[in-house]
Amino acid sequence: MDNVDTQVLKKADEWQRDGRRVVMGTIVRTWGSAPRPVGSLVAERDDGLVVGSVSGGCIEDDLVDRVRARALAADTPQRGA
């Protein structure tokens, strides 16, 4: 059975092969009682469909808003707060 990160990567690859725009998110640092560890992944399709998790939901909600507004650069990594 695949682990969650492998499933996220496979789904993102599938979406891209289907011609969809995909944004990936990765936890690079945590503090306090973070719900997910460093390295956790999330992928979001251009229509808001999400696979994986990097938080208890609030970060994913913000990512959905940013993707829908096309506020994230397509070819440049960005680091959120």
N, C-alpha and C. Protein backbone atom coordinates (compact mmCIF):
# COMPACT_ATOMS: atom_id res chain seq x y z
N MET A 1 0.84 -1.19 0.00
CA MET A 1 0.00 0.00 0.00
C MET A 1 0.88 1.25 0.00
N ASP A 2 0.49 2.27 -0.77
CA ASP A 2 1.25 3.51 -0.86
C ASP A 2 1.06 4.36 0.38
N ASN A 3 2.10 5.11 0.75
CA ASN A 3 1.92 6.07 1.83
C ASN A 3 1.23 7.31 1.26
N VAL A 4 0.81 8.21 2.13
CA VAL A 4 0.04 9.39 1.72
C VAL A 4 0.83 10.26 0.74
N ASP A 5 2.12 10.47 1.00
CA ASP A 5 2.91 11.34 0.13
C ASP A 5 3.00 10.77 -1.28
N THR A 6 3.16 9.47 -1.40
CA THR A 6 3.20 8.84 -2.72
C THR A 6 1.88 9.02 -3.44
N GLN A 7 0.79 8.88 -2.71
CA GLN A 7 -0.54 9.08 -3.30
C GLN A 7 -0.70 10.51 -3.81
N VAL A 8 -0.22 11.49 -3.03
CA VAL A 8 -0.30 12.89 -3.44
C VAL A 8 0.47 13.11 -4.74
N LEU A 9 1.70 12.60 -4.79
CA LEU A 9 2.53 12.78 -5.98
C LEU A 9 1.93 12.09 -7.21
N LYS A 10 1.40 10.90 -7.03
CA LYS A 10 0.77 10.18 -8.14
C LYS A 10 -0.45 10.94 -8.66
N LYS A 11 -1.26 11.47 -7.74
CA LYS A 11 -2.46 12.20 -8.15
C LYS A 11 -2.07 13.50 -8.87
N ALA A 12 -1.07 14.22 -8.37
CA ALA A 12 -0.62 15.45 -9.02
C ALA A 12 -0.11 15.15 -10.43
N ASP A 13 0.62 14.07 -10.59
CA ASP A 13 1.11 13.66 -11.90
C ASP A 13 -0.05 13.34 -12.83
N GLU A 14 -1.03 12.62 -12.32
CA GLU A 14 -2.23 12.27 -13.12
C GLU A 14 -2.95 13.53 -13.58
N TRP A 15 -3.15 14.47 -12.66
CA TRP A 15 -3.85 15.71 -13.01
C TRP A 15 -3.09 16.48 -14.09
N GLN A 16 -1.76 16.56 -13.95
CA GLN A 16 -0.97 17.27 -14.95
C GLN A 16 -1.05 16.58 -16.31
N ARG A 17 -0.99 15.26 -16.34
CA ARG A 17 -1.12 14.53 -17.60
C ARG A 17 -2.48 14.75 -18.24
N ASP A 18 -3.49 15.04 -17.41
CA ASP A 18 -4.84 15.34 -17.91
C ASP A 18 -4.97 16.80 -18.35
N GLY A 19 -3.87 17.56 -18.26
CA GLY A 19 -3.89 18.95 -18.69
C GLY A 19 -4.34 19.94 -17.64
N ARG A 20 -4.42 19.51 -16.40
CA ARG A 20 -4.85 20.40 -15.32
C ARG A 20 -3.66 21.15 -14.73
N ARG A 21 -3.91 22.34 -14.21
CA ARG A 21 -2.91 23.11 -13.47
C ARG A 21 -2.89 22.57 -12.05
N VAL A 22 -1.69 22.33 -11.50
CA VAL A 22 -1.55 21.76 -10.16
C VAL A 22 -0.57 22.59 -9.35
N VAL A 23 -0.95 22.88 -8.11
CA VAL A 23 -0.07 23.57 -7.17
C VAL A 23 0.26 22.59 -6.06
N MET A 24 1.55 22.50 -5.73
CA MET A 24 2.01 21.61 -4.66
C MET A 24 2.43 22.45 -3.46
N GLY A 25 2.15 21.91 -2.29
CA GLY A 25 2.60 22.54 -1.05
C GLY A 25 3.33 21.53 -0.20
N THR A 26 4.40 21.98 0.47
CA THR A 26 5.21 21.12 1.32
C THR A 26 5.53 21.85 2.61
N ILE A 27 5.41 21.20 3.73
CA ILE A 27 5.81 21.82 4.99
C ILE A 27 7.33 21.80 5.06
N VAL A 28 7.92 22.99 5.26
CA VAL A 28 9.37 23.10 5.35
C VAL A 28 9.85 23.42 6.76
N ARG A 29 8.92 23.85 7.63
CA ARG A 29 9.30 24.17 9.01
C ARG A 29 8.05 24.14 9.87
N THR A 30 8.19 23.69 11.10
CA THR A 30 7.07 23.71 12.05
C THR A 30 7.54 24.26 13.38
N TRP A 31 6.56 24.57 14.23
CA TRP A 31 6.84 24.98 15.60
C TRP A 31 5.60 24.69 16.42
N GLY A 32 5.77 24.60 17.70
CA GLY A 32 4.64 24.32 18.58
C GLY A 32 4.03 22.95 18.30
N SER A 33 2.74 22.90 18.38
CA SER A 33 2.03 21.63 18.21
C SER A 33 1.47 21.50 16.78
N ALA A 34 2.36 21.53 15.81
CA ALA A 34 1.96 21.43 14.41
C ALA A 34 1.28 20.09 14.16
N PRO A 35 0.14 20.09 13.44
CA PRO A 35 -0.58 18.84 13.20
C PRO A 35 0.09 17.91 12.19
N ARG A 36 0.98 18.43 11.35
CA ARG A 36 1.63 17.61 10.32
C ARG A 36 3.13 17.86 10.37
N PRO A 37 3.95 16.84 10.11
CA PRO A 37 5.40 16.99 10.19
C PRO A 37 6.01 17.64 8.95
N VAL A 38 7.24 18.11 9.11
CA VAL A 38 8.01 18.64 7.98
C VAL A 38 8.04 17.57 6.88
N GLY A 39 7.85 18.02 5.64
CA GLY A 39 7.84 17.11 4.50
C GLY A 39 6.45 16.70 4.05
N SER A 40 5.43 16.98 4.85
CA SER A 40 4.06 16.64 4.46
C SER A 40 3.69 17.39 3.19
N LEU A 41 2.90 16.75 2.34
CA LEU A 41 2.56 17.30 1.03
C LEU A 41 1.06 17.51 0.85
N VAL A 42 0.74 18.49 0.01
CA VAL A 42 -0.61 18.71 -0.46
C VAL A 42 -0.52 19.09 -1.93
N ALA A 43 -1.49 18.66 -2.72
CA ALA A 43 -1.59 19.07 -4.12
C ALA A 43 -3.00 19.60 -4.32
N GLU A 44 -3.09 20.68 -5.08
CA GLU A 44 -4.40 21.23 -5.39
C GLU A 44 -4.53 21.43 -6.88
N ARG A 45 -5.64 20.96 -7.41
CA ARG A 45 -5.94 21.10 -8.83
C ARG A 45 -6.57 22.47 -9.07
N ASP A 46 -6.51 22.95 -10.29
CA ASP A 46 -7.00 24.29 -10.63
C ASP A 46 -8.47 24.52 -10.30
N ASP A 47 -9.25 23.47 -10.12
CA ASP A 47 -10.66 23.65 -9.77
C ASP A 47 -10.91 23.53 -8.27
N GLY A 48 -9.84 23.43 -7.47
CA GLY A 48 -9.97 23.40 -6.03
C GLY A 48 -9.95 22.03 -5.40
N LEU A 49 -9.88 20.97 -6.19
CA LEU A 49 -9.80 19.63 -5.64
C LEU A 49 -8.45 19.45 -4.96
N VAL A 50 -8.45 18.94 -3.72
CA VAL A 50 -7.24 18.83 -2.91
C VAL A 50 -6.99 17.38 -2.54
N VAL A 51 -5.72 16.99 -2.56
CA VAL A 51 -5.30 15.68 -2.07
C VAL A 51 -4.10 15.91 -1.14
N GLY A 52 -4.07 15.20 -0.02
CA GLY A 52 -3.01 15.38 0.96
C GLY A 52 -3.38 16.44 1.97
N SER A 53 -2.45 16.73 2.87
CA SER A 53 -2.73 17.71 3.92
C SER A 53 -1.43 18.26 4.49
N VAL A 54 -1.44 19.55 4.78
CA VAL A 54 -0.31 20.18 5.45
C VAL A 54 -0.72 20.85 6.75
N SER A 55 -2.00 20.74 7.09
CA SER A 55 -2.49 21.36 8.33
C SER A 55 -3.80 20.70 8.73
N GLY A 56 -4.45 21.29 9.70
CA GLY A 56 -5.76 20.81 10.10
C GLY A 56 -6.86 21.34 9.20
N GLY A 57 -6.51 22.04 8.14
CA GLY A 57 -7.50 22.55 7.20
C GLY A 57 -7.36 24.02 6.87
N CYS A 58 -6.87 24.84 7.80
CA CYS A 58 -6.83 26.28 7.55
C CYS A 58 -5.84 26.64 6.45
N ILE A 59 -4.72 25.97 6.38
CA ILE A 59 -3.74 26.25 5.32
C ILE A 59 -4.30 25.81 3.98
N GLU A 60 -4.95 24.66 3.94
CA GLU A 60 -5.55 24.19 2.70
C GLU A 60 -6.61 25.17 2.20
N ASP A 61 -7.42 25.71 3.10
CA ASP A 61 -8.43 26.69 2.71
C ASP A 61 -7.79 27.93 2.09
N ASP A 62 -6.69 28.41 2.69
CA ASP A 62 -5.99 29.56 2.15
C ASP A 62 -5.39 29.23 0.79
N LEU A 63 -4.85 28.03 0.64
CA LEU A 63 -4.28 27.60 -0.63
C LEU A 63 -5.35 27.55 -1.72
N VAL A 64 -6.54 27.04 -1.39
CA VAL A 64 -7.65 27.01 -2.35
C VAL A 64 -7.96 28.42 -2.84
N ASP A 65 -8.05 29.37 -1.90
CA ASP A 65 -8.34 30.76 -2.28
C ASP A 65 -7.25 31.32 -3.20
N ARG A 66 -5.99 31.06 -2.87
CA ARG A 66 -4.89 31.58 -3.68
C ARG A 66 -4.84 30.95 -5.07
N VAL A 67 -5.11 29.67 -5.15
CA VAL A 67 -5.09 29.00 -6.46
C VAL A 67 -6.22 29.52 -7.32
N ARG A 68 -7.41 29.63 -6.76
CA ARG A 68 -8.55 30.14 -7.54
C ARG A 68 -8.33 31.56 -8.02
N ALA A 69 -7.62 32.37 -7.22
CA ALA A 69 -7.33 33.76 -7.60
C ALA A 69 -6.09 33.84 -8.49
N ARG A 70 -5.47 32.69 -8.77
CA ARG A 70 -4.22 32.62 -9.53
C ARG A 70 -3.16 33.53 -8.91
N ALA A 71 -3.13 33.55 -7.59
CA ALA A 71 -2.19 34.40 -6.85
C ALA A 71 -0.85 33.72 -6.61
N LEU A 72 -0.71 32.48 -7.05
CA LEU A 72 0.55 31.77 -6.89
C LEU A 72 1.26 31.67 -8.24
N ALA A 73 2.55 31.92 -8.23
CA ALA A 73 3.33 31.83 -9.46
C ALA A 73 3.37 30.39 -9.95
N ALA A 74 3.21 30.20 -11.23
CA ALA A 74 3.17 28.84 -11.78
C ALA A 74 4.54 28.18 -11.83
N ASP A 75 5.59 28.95 -12.01
CA ASP A 75 6.92 28.37 -12.21
C ASP A 75 7.92 28.72 -11.13
N THR A 76 7.51 29.44 -10.11
CA THR A 76 8.43 29.90 -9.08
C THR A 76 7.98 29.43 -7.70
N PRO A 77 8.85 28.75 -6.98
CA PRO A 77 8.48 28.36 -5.61
C PRO A 77 8.22 29.60 -4.76
N GLN A 78 7.27 29.49 -3.86
CA GLN A 78 6.96 30.58 -2.94
C GLN A 78 6.92 30.01 -1.54
N ARG A 79 7.25 30.83 -0.58
CA ARG A 79 7.23 30.40 0.81
C ARG A 79 6.20 31.23 1.55
N GLY A 80 5.21 30.55 2.14
CA GLY A 80 4.16 31.24 2.88
C GLY A 80 4.57 31.48 4.32
N ALA A 81 3.77 32.27 4.97
CA ALA A 81 4.05 32.58 6.38
C ALA A 81 3.60 31.48 7.30
